Amino acid sequence: MQIPIKQPPKSSAHNVCGIVRHSTLWLKPETVTQVEFLEWTGADHSRHTKFIGLRDDKDPRKVVKKPRILPH
């Protein structure tokens, strides 16, 4: 599954995790960051994310989101 680059919303404010954000800066992927996280939220956000490092060996245009693994 490939994640499309999201375009800026029509309004300058949008809702992320129940908080209205203003002056959002949208970027195109140019680097790959490796992170660890505890779980996915119901809104498909990563919870308790920990930065591991940058990955120079990966092409950002070829990176895909790993599918969510649901508990049995």
N, C-alpha and C. Protein backbone atom coordinates (compact mmCIF):
# COMPACT_ATOMS: atom_id res chain seq x y z
N MET A 1 0.85 -1.17 0.00
CA MET A 1 0.00 0.00 0.00
C MET A 1 0.90 1.23 0.00
N GLN A 2 0.65 2.11 -0.94
CA GLN A 2 1.44 3.33 -1.02
C GLN A 2 0.60 4.48 -0.48
N ILE A 3 1.22 5.34 0.34
CA ILE A 3 0.52 6.47 0.93
C ILE A 3 0.67 7.67 0.01
N PRO A 4 -0.44 8.21 -0.49
CA PRO A 4 -0.32 9.37 -1.38
C PRO A 4 0.08 10.62 -0.60
N ILE A 5 0.74 11.55 -1.29
CA ILE A 5 1.08 12.83 -0.67
C ILE A 5 -0.20 13.63 -0.58
N LYS A 6 -0.54 14.05 0.62
CA LYS A 6 -1.77 14.81 0.82
C LYS A 6 -1.52 16.27 0.46
N GLN A 7 -2.47 16.84 -0.23
CA GLN A 7 -2.40 18.25 -0.59
C GLN A 7 -2.98 19.09 0.55
N PRO A 8 -2.58 20.35 0.64
CA PRO A 8 -3.11 21.19 1.72
C PRO A 8 -4.63 21.29 1.64
N PRO A 9 -5.30 21.29 2.78
CA PRO A 9 -6.76 21.44 2.78
C PRO A 9 -7.13 22.84 2.30
N LYS A 10 -8.40 22.99 1.90
CA LYS A 10 -8.89 24.29 1.40
C LYS A 10 -8.76 25.38 2.45
N SER A 11 -9.07 25.07 3.69
CA SER A 11 -8.94 26.07 4.76
C SER A 11 -7.56 25.97 5.37
N SER A 12 -7.13 27.01 6.05
CA SER A 12 -5.80 27.00 6.67
C SER A 12 -5.80 26.26 8.00
N ALA A 13 -6.96 25.89 8.50
CA ALA A 13 -7.04 25.16 9.77
C ALA A 13 -7.65 23.79 9.51
N HIS A 14 -7.13 22.78 10.12
CA HIS A 14 -7.72 21.45 10.03
C HIS A 14 -7.54 20.74 11.37
N ASN A 15 -8.18 19.62 11.50
CA ASN A 15 -8.24 18.93 12.77
C ASN A 15 -7.31 17.72 12.77
N VAL A 16 -6.39 17.66 13.71
CA VAL A 16 -5.51 16.51 13.89
C VAL A 16 -5.62 16.10 15.36
N CYS A 17 -6.07 14.89 15.60
CA CYS A 17 -6.22 14.36 16.97
C CYS A 17 -7.09 15.27 17.83
N GLY A 18 -8.10 15.87 17.25
CA GLY A 18 -9.02 16.71 18.03
C GLY A 18 -8.51 18.10 18.29
N ILE A 19 -7.35 18.47 17.76
CA ILE A 19 -6.79 19.80 17.98
C ILE A 19 -6.77 20.54 16.65
N VAL A 20 -7.30 21.75 16.63
CA VAL A 20 -7.28 22.54 15.40
C VAL A 20 -5.88 23.11 15.22
N ARG A 21 -5.28 22.84 14.08
CA ARG A 21 -3.93 23.32 13.77
C ARG A 21 -4.04 24.45 12.74
N HIS A 22 -3.23 25.46 12.89
CA HIS A 22 -3.18 26.58 11.95
C HIS A 22 -1.79 26.63 11.30
N SER A 23 -1.72 27.23 10.14
CA SER A 23 -0.45 27.44 9.44
C SER A 23 0.33 26.14 9.27
N THR A 24 -0.32 25.14 8.74
CA THR A 24 0.32 23.86 8.51
C THR A 24 1.26 23.96 7.32
N LEU A 25 2.44 23.37 7.43
CA LEU A 25 3.40 23.34 6.35
C LEU A 25 3.45 21.93 5.79
N TRP A 26 3.06 21.76 4.53
CA TRP A 26 3.05 20.46 3.90
C TRP A 26 4.35 20.27 3.14
N LEU A 27 5.01 19.13 3.31
CA LEU A 27 6.30 18.86 2.69
C LEU A 27 6.24 17.61 1.83
N LYS A 28 7.08 17.59 0.80
CA LYS A 28 7.24 16.37 0.01
C LYS A 28 8.34 15.54 0.66
N PRO A 29 8.18 14.21 0.67
CA PRO A 29 9.19 13.37 1.32
C PRO A 29 10.52 13.42 0.57
N GLU A 30 11.58 13.73 1.29
CA GLU A 30 12.92 13.74 0.71
C GLU A 30 13.89 12.88 1.50
N THR A 31 13.53 12.52 2.72
CA THR A 31 14.35 11.63 3.54
C THR A 31 13.44 10.58 4.17
N VAL A 32 14.04 9.52 4.62
CA VAL A 32 13.30 8.46 5.29
C VAL A 32 13.76 8.43 6.75
N THR A 33 12.80 8.44 7.64
CA THR A 33 13.07 8.39 9.07
C THR A 33 12.60 7.05 9.62
N GLN A 34 13.41 6.41 10.41
CA GLN A 34 13.01 5.18 11.06
C GLN A 34 12.51 5.51 12.45
N VAL A 35 11.33 5.00 12.78
CA VAL A 35 10.74 5.24 14.10
C VAL A 35 10.23 3.92 14.67
N GLU A 36 10.08 3.89 15.97
CA GLU A 36 9.38 2.81 16.66
C GLU A 36 8.15 3.44 17.30
N PHE A 37 7.10 2.67 17.45
CA PHE A 37 5.92 3.19 18.13
C PHE A 37 5.19 2.05 18.81
N LEU A 38 4.38 2.40 19.79
CA LEU A 38 3.69 1.41 20.59
C LEU A 38 2.52 0.76 19.85
N GLU A 39 1.69 1.60 19.21
CA GLU A 39 0.52 1.07 18.53
C GLU A 39 -0.07 2.11 17.60
N TRP A 40 -1.01 1.67 16.75
CA TRP A 40 -1.79 2.58 15.92
C TRP A 40 -3.04 2.97 16.69
N THR A 41 -3.43 4.23 16.61
CA THR A 41 -4.68 4.67 17.23
C THR A 41 -5.84 4.32 16.31
N GLY A 42 -7.05 4.51 16.80
CA GLY A 42 -8.24 4.30 15.98
C GLY A 42 -8.29 5.22 14.78
N ALA A 43 -7.64 6.39 14.88
CA ALA A 43 -7.60 7.36 13.79
C ALA A 43 -6.39 7.13 12.88
N ASP A 44 -5.73 5.99 13.04
CA ASP A 44 -4.59 5.60 12.21
C ASP A 44 -3.37 6.51 12.39
N HIS A 45 -3.13 6.93 13.63
CA HIS A 45 -1.94 7.69 14.00
C HIS A 45 -1.07 6.77 14.87
N SER A 46 0.24 6.99 14.82
CA SER A 46 1.11 6.18 15.67
C SER A 46 1.15 6.77 17.08
N ARG A 47 1.13 5.91 18.06
CA ARG A 47 1.11 6.34 19.47
C ARG A 47 2.47 6.08 20.12
N HIS A 48 2.95 7.04 20.91
CA HIS A 48 4.22 6.94 21.63
C HIS A 48 5.38 6.65 20.67
N THR A 49 5.55 7.55 19.72
CA THR A 49 6.56 7.40 18.67
C THR A 49 7.94 7.76 19.19
N LYS A 50 8.93 6.98 18.80
CA LYS A 50 10.32 7.18 19.21
C LYS A 50 11.19 7.25 17.95
N PHE A 51 11.94 8.35 17.80
CA PHE A 51 12.83 8.53 16.66
C PHE A 51 14.03 7.60 16.80
N ILE A 52 14.33 6.84 15.74
CA ILE A 52 15.47 5.92 15.74
C ILE A 52 16.62 6.51 14.92
N GLY A 53 16.32 7.04 13.75
CA GLY A 53 17.37 7.61 12.93
C GLY A 53 16.92 7.84 11.50
N LEU A 54 17.82 8.42 10.70
CA LEU A 54 17.56 8.64 9.29
C LEU A 54 18.09 7.46 8.49
N ARG A 55 17.40 7.15 7.39
CA ARG A 55 17.79 6.02 6.54
C ARG A 55 18.22 6.54 5.18
N ASP A 56 19.52 6.66 4.98
CA ASP A 56 20.05 7.11 3.70
C ASP A 56 20.00 6.01 2.64
N ASP A 57 19.79 4.77 3.07
CA ASP A 57 19.78 3.65 2.14
C ASP A 57 18.41 3.41 1.50
N LYS A 58 17.40 4.21 1.87
CA LYS A 58 16.04 4.03 1.34
C LYS A 58 15.66 5.20 0.46
N ASP A 59 14.95 4.92 -0.65
CA ASP A 59 14.42 5.94 -1.53
C ASP A 59 13.04 6.35 -1.00
N PRO A 60 12.85 7.63 -0.63
CA PRO A 60 11.57 8.06 -0.04
C PRO A 60 10.37 7.81 -0.95
N ARG A 61 10.59 7.78 -2.26
CA ARG A 61 9.47 7.56 -3.19
C ARG A 61 9.02 6.10 -3.21
N LYS A 62 9.83 5.20 -2.64
CA LYS A 62 9.49 3.78 -2.65
C LYS A 62 9.07 3.24 -1.29
N VAL A 63 9.08 4.08 -0.28
CA VAL A 63 8.71 3.64 1.07
C VAL A 63 7.19 3.57 1.17
N VAL A 64 6.70 2.50 1.77
CA VAL A 64 5.26 2.32 1.97
C VAL A 64 4.98 2.07 3.44
N LYS A 65 3.78 2.36 3.84
CA LYS A 65 3.36 2.11 5.22
C LYS A 65 3.09 0.62 5.39
N LYS A 66 3.65 0.05 6.45
CA LYS A 66 3.40 -1.35 6.74
C LYS A 66 1.94 -1.51 7.16
N PRO A 67 1.28 -2.58 6.74
CA PRO A 67 -0.12 -2.77 7.14
C PRO A 67 -0.26 -2.98 8.64
N ARG A 68 -1.37 -2.54 9.16
CA ARG A 68 -1.66 -2.70 10.59
C ARG A 68 -1.93 -4.16 10.88
N ILE A 69 -1.31 -4.67 11.94
CA ILE A 69 -1.52 -6.05 12.37
C ILE A 69 -2.48 -6.02 13.55
N LEU A 70 -3.66 -6.56 13.38
CA LEU A 70 -4.66 -6.55 14.44
C LEU A 70 -4.46 -7.75 15.35
N PRO A 71 -4.66 -7.56 16.66
CA PRO A 71 -4.55 -8.70 17.58
C PRO A 71 -5.66 -9.70 17.34
N HIS A 72 -5.39 -10.95 17.65
CA HIS A 72 -6.38 -12.03 17.44
C HIS A 72 -7.44 -12.01 18.50
